Amino acid sequence: MTLRDDVRARRETRWAAVIGGGFLGVVFGLGHPLGFFLGGAAAGLGQPSVFRGVVAGALAGLLAWVAFLAGLASTGALEPALAATAPLAVSLAAPLVLGAFGGLLRGVDR
């Protein structure tokens, strides 16, 4: 068995892959939006099906977005950011879509 198969075999390790993918999305997403793709790919590769890989990638993107909001809240900039609905929607759509797209990488190894 490979490491990938070991991760896919247990529920706990699949959740760890989602959380780790979200962490990667936050770290690399600070430098470039394709970091969300990388985080989604890391979260999706450990999933047993393509659908679950896409959902895991989107969850990793959502975790990255929540971390972004937490960063805004820690600096006191959350209220003005919430008032600007269009940029806030883009800031949500980018990690969700790129994370889900990265999760599609799960289907490549078939």
N, C-alpha and C. Protein backbone atom coordinates (compact mmCIF):
# COMPACT_ATOMS: atom_id res chain seq x y z
N MET A 1 0.83 -1.19 0.00
CA MET A 1 0.00 0.00 0.00
C MET A 1 0.87 1.25 0.00
N THR A 2 0.40 2.24 -0.68
CA THR A 2 1.11 3.51 -0.71
C THR A 2 0.57 4.42 0.39
N LEU A 3 1.24 5.52 0.61
CA LEU A 3 0.79 6.50 1.59
C LEU A 3 -0.58 7.03 1.22
N ARG A 4 -0.81 7.25 -0.07
CA ARG A 4 -2.11 7.74 -0.54
C ARG A 4 -3.22 6.77 -0.18
N ASP A 5 -2.97 5.47 -0.36
CA ASP A 5 -3.97 4.47 -0.02
C ASP A 5 -4.21 4.40 1.50
N ASP A 6 -3.15 4.60 2.27
CA ASP A 6 -3.30 4.62 3.73
C ASP A 6 -4.16 5.79 4.17
N VAL A 7 -3.95 6.95 3.55
CA VAL A 7 -4.74 8.13 3.89
C VAL A 7 -6.20 7.91 3.52
N ARG A 8 -6.44 7.32 2.38
CA ARG A 8 -7.82 7.10 1.93
C ARG A 8 -8.54 6.04 2.76
N ALA A 9 -7.82 5.19 3.43
CA ALA A 9 -8.44 4.07 4.15
C ALA A 9 -9.09 4.49 5.46
N ARG A 10 -8.64 5.56 6.09
CA ARG A 10 -9.14 5.94 7.41
C ARG A 10 -9.77 7.32 7.38
N ARG A 11 -10.88 7.44 8.07
CA ARG A 11 -11.62 8.71 8.10
C ARG A 11 -10.80 9.82 8.75
N GLU A 12 -10.10 9.49 9.83
CA GLU A 12 -9.33 10.51 10.55
C GLU A 12 -8.23 11.11 9.67
N THR A 13 -7.58 10.27 8.90
CA THR A 13 -6.51 10.78 8.05
C THR A 13 -7.07 11.59 6.88
N ARG A 14 -8.29 11.26 6.43
CA ARG A 14 -8.90 12.07 5.38
C ARG A 14 -9.22 13.47 5.90
N TRP A 15 -9.72 13.57 7.13
CA TRP A 15 -9.98 14.88 7.71
C TRP A 15 -8.68 15.65 7.94
N ALA A 16 -7.65 14.93 8.34
CA ALA A 16 -6.35 15.59 8.50
C ALA A 16 -5.85 16.13 7.17
N ALA A 17 -6.13 15.41 6.07
CA ALA A 17 -5.74 15.90 4.75
C ALA A 17 -6.50 17.17 4.39
N VAL A 18 -7.78 17.25 4.76
CA VAL A 18 -8.57 18.46 4.49
C VAL A 18 -8.03 19.64 5.29
N ILE A 19 -7.75 19.42 6.56
CA ILE A 19 -7.23 20.50 7.40
C ILE A 19 -5.83 20.90 6.94
N GLY A 20 -5.01 19.92 6.60
CA GLY A 20 -3.68 20.24 6.07
C GLY A 20 -3.76 20.99 4.75
N GLY A 21 -4.71 20.61 3.90
CA GLY A 21 -4.92 21.33 2.65
C GLY A 21 -5.37 22.76 2.88
N GLY A 22 -6.23 22.95 3.87
CA GLY A 22 -6.63 24.32 4.23
C GLY A 22 -5.46 25.14 4.72
N PHE A 23 -4.60 24.51 5.51
CA PHE A 23 -3.40 25.20 5.99
C PHE A 23 -2.49 25.57 4.82
N LEU A 24 -2.29 24.63 3.89
CA LEU A 24 -1.47 24.94 2.71
C LEU A 24 -2.10 26.07 1.89
N GLY A 25 -3.43 26.04 1.78
CA GLY A 25 -4.12 27.10 1.05
C GLY A 25 -3.91 28.46 1.67
N VAL A 26 -3.91 28.51 3.00
CA VAL A 26 -3.67 29.78 3.69
C VAL A 26 -2.24 30.25 3.46
N VAL A 27 -1.29 29.35 3.67
CA VAL A 27 0.13 29.72 3.57
C VAL A 27 0.49 30.15 2.15
N PHE A 28 0.15 29.30 1.17
CA PHE A 28 0.52 29.62 -0.20
C PHE A 28 -0.44 30.60 -0.86
N GLY A 29 -1.67 30.69 -0.34
CA GLY A 29 -2.63 31.66 -0.87
C GLY A 29 -2.25 33.09 -0.53
N LEU A 30 -1.42 33.27 0.49
CA LEU A 30 -0.95 34.62 0.81
C LEU A 30 -0.04 35.16 -0.28
N GLY A 31 0.68 34.26 -0.93
CA GLY A 31 1.61 34.68 -1.98
C GLY A 31 0.97 34.75 -3.35
N HIS A 32 0.05 33.84 -3.63
CA HIS A 32 -0.56 33.79 -4.96
C HIS A 32 -1.88 33.03 -4.86
N PRO A 33 -2.90 33.44 -5.60
CA PRO A 33 -4.19 32.72 -5.53
C PRO A 33 -4.11 31.25 -5.93
N LEU A 34 -3.11 30.85 -6.70
CA LEU A 34 -2.99 29.44 -7.05
C LEU A 34 -2.62 28.58 -5.83
N GLY A 35 -2.26 29.24 -4.74
CA GLY A 35 -2.05 28.51 -3.49
C GLY A 35 -3.32 27.83 -3.02
N PHE A 36 -4.49 28.42 -3.33
CA PHE A 36 -5.76 27.78 -2.99
C PHE A 36 -5.94 26.50 -3.81
N PHE A 37 -5.48 26.52 -5.06
CA PHE A 37 -5.52 25.31 -5.89
C PHE A 37 -4.64 24.23 -5.26
N LEU A 38 -3.46 24.60 -4.82
CA LEU A 38 -2.55 23.66 -4.19
C LEU A 38 -3.16 23.08 -2.92
N GLY A 39 -3.79 23.92 -2.10
CA GLY A 39 -4.44 23.44 -0.89
C GLY A 39 -5.59 22.49 -1.20
N GLY A 40 -6.38 22.81 -2.22
CA GLY A 40 -7.48 21.93 -2.62
C GLY A 40 -6.97 20.61 -3.15
N ALA A 41 -5.88 20.65 -3.89
CA ALA A 41 -5.29 19.41 -4.41
C ALA A 41 -4.78 18.54 -3.27
N ALA A 42 -4.14 19.15 -2.28
CA ALA A 42 -3.64 18.39 -1.14
C ALA A 42 -4.78 17.77 -0.34
N ALA A 43 -5.88 18.51 -0.21
CA ALA A 43 -7.03 17.97 0.51
C ALA A 43 -7.74 16.89 -0.29
N GLY A 44 -7.81 17.04 -1.60
CA GLY A 44 -8.56 16.12 -2.43
C GLY A 44 -7.86 14.81 -2.72
N LEU A 45 -6.54 14.81 -2.71
CA LEU A 45 -5.82 13.58 -3.06
C LEU A 45 -6.05 12.45 -2.07
N GLY A 46 -6.37 12.77 -0.85
CA GLY A 46 -6.60 11.73 0.14
C GLY A 46 -8.01 11.19 0.18
N GLN A 47 -8.87 11.65 -0.69
CA GLN A 47 -10.27 11.24 -0.65
C GLN A 47 -10.52 10.01 -1.51
N PRO A 48 -11.52 9.18 -1.12
CA PRO A 48 -11.76 7.94 -1.84
C PRO A 48 -12.48 8.10 -3.19
N SER A 49 -13.12 9.23 -3.45
CA SER A 49 -13.81 9.41 -4.72
C SER A 49 -13.56 10.82 -5.24
N VAL A 50 -13.85 11.02 -6.52
CA VAL A 50 -13.64 12.34 -7.13
C VAL A 50 -14.57 13.36 -6.50
N PHE A 51 -15.82 12.98 -6.28
CA PHE A 51 -16.78 13.91 -5.67
C PHE A 51 -16.30 14.37 -4.30
N ARG A 52 -15.85 13.42 -3.49
CA ARG A 52 -15.33 13.78 -2.16
C ARG A 52 -14.06 14.62 -2.27
N GLY A 53 -13.27 14.39 -3.31
CA GLY A 53 -12.09 15.21 -3.52
C GLY A 53 -12.45 16.66 -3.82
N VAL A 54 -13.48 16.86 -4.63
CA VAL A 54 -13.93 18.22 -4.94
C VAL A 54 -14.49 18.90 -3.69
N VAL A 55 -15.29 18.16 -2.93
CA VAL A 55 -15.86 18.72 -1.70
C VAL A 55 -14.74 19.04 -0.70
N ALA A 56 -13.76 18.16 -0.57
CA ALA A 56 -12.64 18.41 0.34
C ALA A 56 -11.84 19.63 -0.10
N GLY A 57 -11.65 19.79 -1.41
CA GLY A 57 -10.95 20.97 -1.91
C GLY A 57 -11.71 22.24 -1.61
N ALA A 58 -13.04 22.20 -1.78
CA ALA A 58 -13.85 23.38 -1.47
C ALA A 58 -13.81 23.67 0.03
N LEU A 59 -13.82 22.63 0.87
CA LEU A 59 -13.71 22.84 2.32
C LEU A 59 -12.36 23.44 2.70
N ALA A 60 -11.31 23.01 2.03
CA ALA A 60 -9.99 23.59 2.29
C ALA A 60 -9.98 25.07 1.90
N GLY A 61 -10.63 25.40 0.78
CA GLY A 61 -10.76 26.81 0.40
C GLY A 61 -11.57 27.60 1.40
N LEU A 62 -12.63 27.00 1.93
CA LEU A 62 -13.45 27.66 2.93
C LEU A 62 -12.65 27.90 4.21
N LEU A 63 -11.83 26.93 4.60
CA LEU A 63 -10.97 27.12 5.77
C LEU A 63 -9.99 28.28 5.55
N ALA A 64 -9.46 28.39 4.35
CA ALA A 64 -8.55 29.49 4.03
C ALA A 64 -9.28 30.82 4.11
N TRP A 65 -10.52 30.85 3.65
CA TRP A 65 -11.30 32.10 3.69
C TRP A 65 -11.62 32.49 5.13
N VAL A 66 -11.96 31.52 5.97
CA VAL A 66 -12.22 31.80 7.38
C VAL A 66 -10.97 32.33 8.06
N ALA A 67 -9.81 31.78 7.71
CA ALA A 67 -8.55 32.30 8.26
C ALA A 67 -8.31 33.73 7.80
N PHE A 68 -8.68 34.03 6.55
CA PHE A 68 -8.57 35.39 6.04
C PHE A 68 -9.46 36.33 6.86
N LEU A 69 -10.70 35.91 7.12
CA LEU A 69 -11.61 36.74 7.93
C LEU A 69 -11.10 36.91 9.35
N ALA A 70 -10.49 35.86 9.90
CA ALA A 70 -9.92 35.97 11.24
C ALA A 70 -8.77 36.97 11.26
N GLY A 71 -7.98 36.99 10.19
CA GLY A 71 -6.91 37.98 10.09
C GLY A 71 -7.46 39.40 10.01
N LEU A 72 -8.55 39.56 9.27
CA LEU A 72 -9.18 40.88 9.20
C LEU A 72 -9.74 41.29 10.56
N ALA A 73 -10.34 40.34 11.27
CA ALA A 73 -10.91 40.64 12.58
C ALA A 73 -9.83 41.01 13.59
N SER A 74 -8.67 40.37 13.48
CA SER A 74 -7.60 40.66 14.45
C SER A 74 -7.02 42.06 14.25
N THR A 75 -7.15 42.62 13.06
CA THR A 75 -6.66 43.97 12.82
C THR A 75 -7.75 45.02 12.90
N GLY A 76 -8.99 44.59 13.14
CA GLY A 76 -10.09 45.53 13.24
C GLY A 76 -10.66 45.95 11.90
N ALA A 77 -10.32 45.26 10.85
CA ALA A 77 -10.78 45.64 9.51
C ALA A 77 -11.93 44.78 9.02
N LEU A 78 -12.51 43.96 9.89
CA LEU A 78 -13.57 43.07 9.43
C LEU A 78 -14.85 43.81 9.11
N GLU A 79 -15.24 44.78 9.92
CA GLU A 79 -16.49 45.50 9.68
C GLU A 79 -16.49 46.25 8.35
N PRO A 80 -15.44 47.01 8.01
CA PRO A 80 -15.43 47.64 6.68
C PRO A 80 -15.40 46.63 5.54
N ALA A 81 -14.75 45.50 5.77
CA ALA A 81 -14.69 44.47 4.72
C ALA A 81 -16.06 43.86 4.50
N LEU A 82 -16.82 43.65 5.56
CA LEU A 82 -18.16 43.10 5.42
C LEU A 82 -19.11 44.08 4.74
N ALA A 83 -18.82 45.37 4.86
CA ALA A 83 -19.66 46.37 4.21
C ALA A 83 -19.44 46.39 2.69
N ALA A 84 -18.27 46.00 2.26
CA ALA A 84 -17.97 45.96 0.82
C ALA A 84 -18.34 44.57 0.30
N THR A 85 -19.57 44.40 -0.12
CA THR A 85 -20.06 43.06 -0.43
C THR A 85 -19.44 42.46 -1.68
N ALA A 86 -19.21 43.24 -2.73
CA ALA A 86 -18.65 42.67 -3.97
C ALA A 86 -17.23 42.15 -3.77
N PRO A 87 -16.31 42.92 -3.17
CA PRO A 87 -14.98 42.36 -2.93
C PRO A 87 -15.01 41.18 -1.96
N LEU A 88 -15.94 41.21 -1.00
CA LEU A 88 -16.05 40.08 -0.08
C LEU A 88 -16.52 38.83 -0.80
N ALA A 89 -17.43 38.98 -1.76
CA ALA A 89 -17.89 37.83 -2.54
C ALA A 89 -16.76 37.26 -3.38
N VAL A 90 -15.93 38.12 -3.95
CA VAL A 90 -14.79 37.64 -4.74
C VAL A 90 -13.79 36.94 -3.82
N SER A 91 -13.60 37.48 -2.62
CA SER A 91 -12.66 36.85 -1.69
C SER A 91 -13.17 35.49 -1.22
N LEU A 92 -14.46 35.25 -1.27
CA LEU A 92 -15.01 33.93 -0.95
C LEU A 92 -14.96 33.01 -2.16
N ALA A 93 -15.29 33.55 -3.33
CA ALA A 93 -15.36 32.72 -4.53
C ALA A 93 -13.99 32.18 -4.94
N ALA A 94 -12.96 32.99 -4.83
CA ALA A 94 -11.63 32.56 -5.29
C ALA A 94 -11.14 31.31 -4.57
N PRO A 95 -11.11 31.28 -3.23
CA PRO A 95 -10.62 30.04 -2.59
C PRO A 95 -11.58 28.86 -2.76
N LEU A 96 -12.89 29.12 -2.82
CA LEU A 96 -13.83 28.02 -3.00
C LEU A 96 -13.68 27.37 -4.37
N VAL A 97 -13.66 28.19 -5.41
CA VAL A 97 -13.59 27.66 -6.77
C VAL A 97 -12.22 27.04 -7.04
N LEU A 98 -11.16 27.74 -6.67
CA LEU A 98 -9.82 27.19 -6.91
C LEU A 98 -9.56 25.95 -6.06
N GLY A 99 -10.09 25.93 -4.83
CA GLY A 99 -9.94 24.74 -4.00
C GLY A 99 -10.68 23.55 -4.57
N ALA A 100 -11.92 23.79 -5.04
CA ALA A 100 -12.68 22.70 -5.66
C ALA A 100 -12.02 22.22 -6.94
N PHE A 101 -11.49 23.15 -7.72
CA PHE A 101 -10.78 22.78 -8.95
C PHE A 101 -9.53 21.96 -8.62
N GLY A 102 -8.83 22.34 -7.56
CA GLY A 102 -7.68 21.56 -7.11
C GLY A 102 -8.08 20.19 -6.64
N GLY A 103 -9.26 20.08 -6.03
CA GLY A 103 -9.77 18.79 -5.59
C GLY A 103 -10.04 17.84 -6.74
N LEU A 104 -10.25 18.38 -7.94
CA LEU A 104 -10.44 17.53 -9.11
C LEU A 104 -9.19 16.73 -9.45
N LEU A 105 -8.07 17.14 -8.90
CA LEU A 105 -6.83 16.40 -9.13
C LEU A 105 -6.95 14.96 -8.63
N ARG A 106 -7.90 14.72 -7.75
CA ARG A 106 -8.14 13.37 -7.24
C ARG A 106 -8.46 12.41 -8.38
N GLY A 107 -9.11 12.88 -9.43
CA GLY A 107 -9.51 12.03 -10.53
C GLY A 107 -8.39 11.69 -11.50
N VAL A 108 -7.24 12.32 -11.36
CA VAL A 108 -6.14 12.11 -12.30
C VAL A 108 -5.50 10.74 -12.13
N ASP A 109 -5.51 10.20 -10.94
CA ASP A 109 -4.78 8.96 -10.69
C ASP A 109 -5.58 7.70 -11.01
N ARG A 110 -6.66 7.82 -11.71
CA ARG A 110 -7.48 6.64 -12.02
C ARG A 110 -6.84 5.77 -13.01
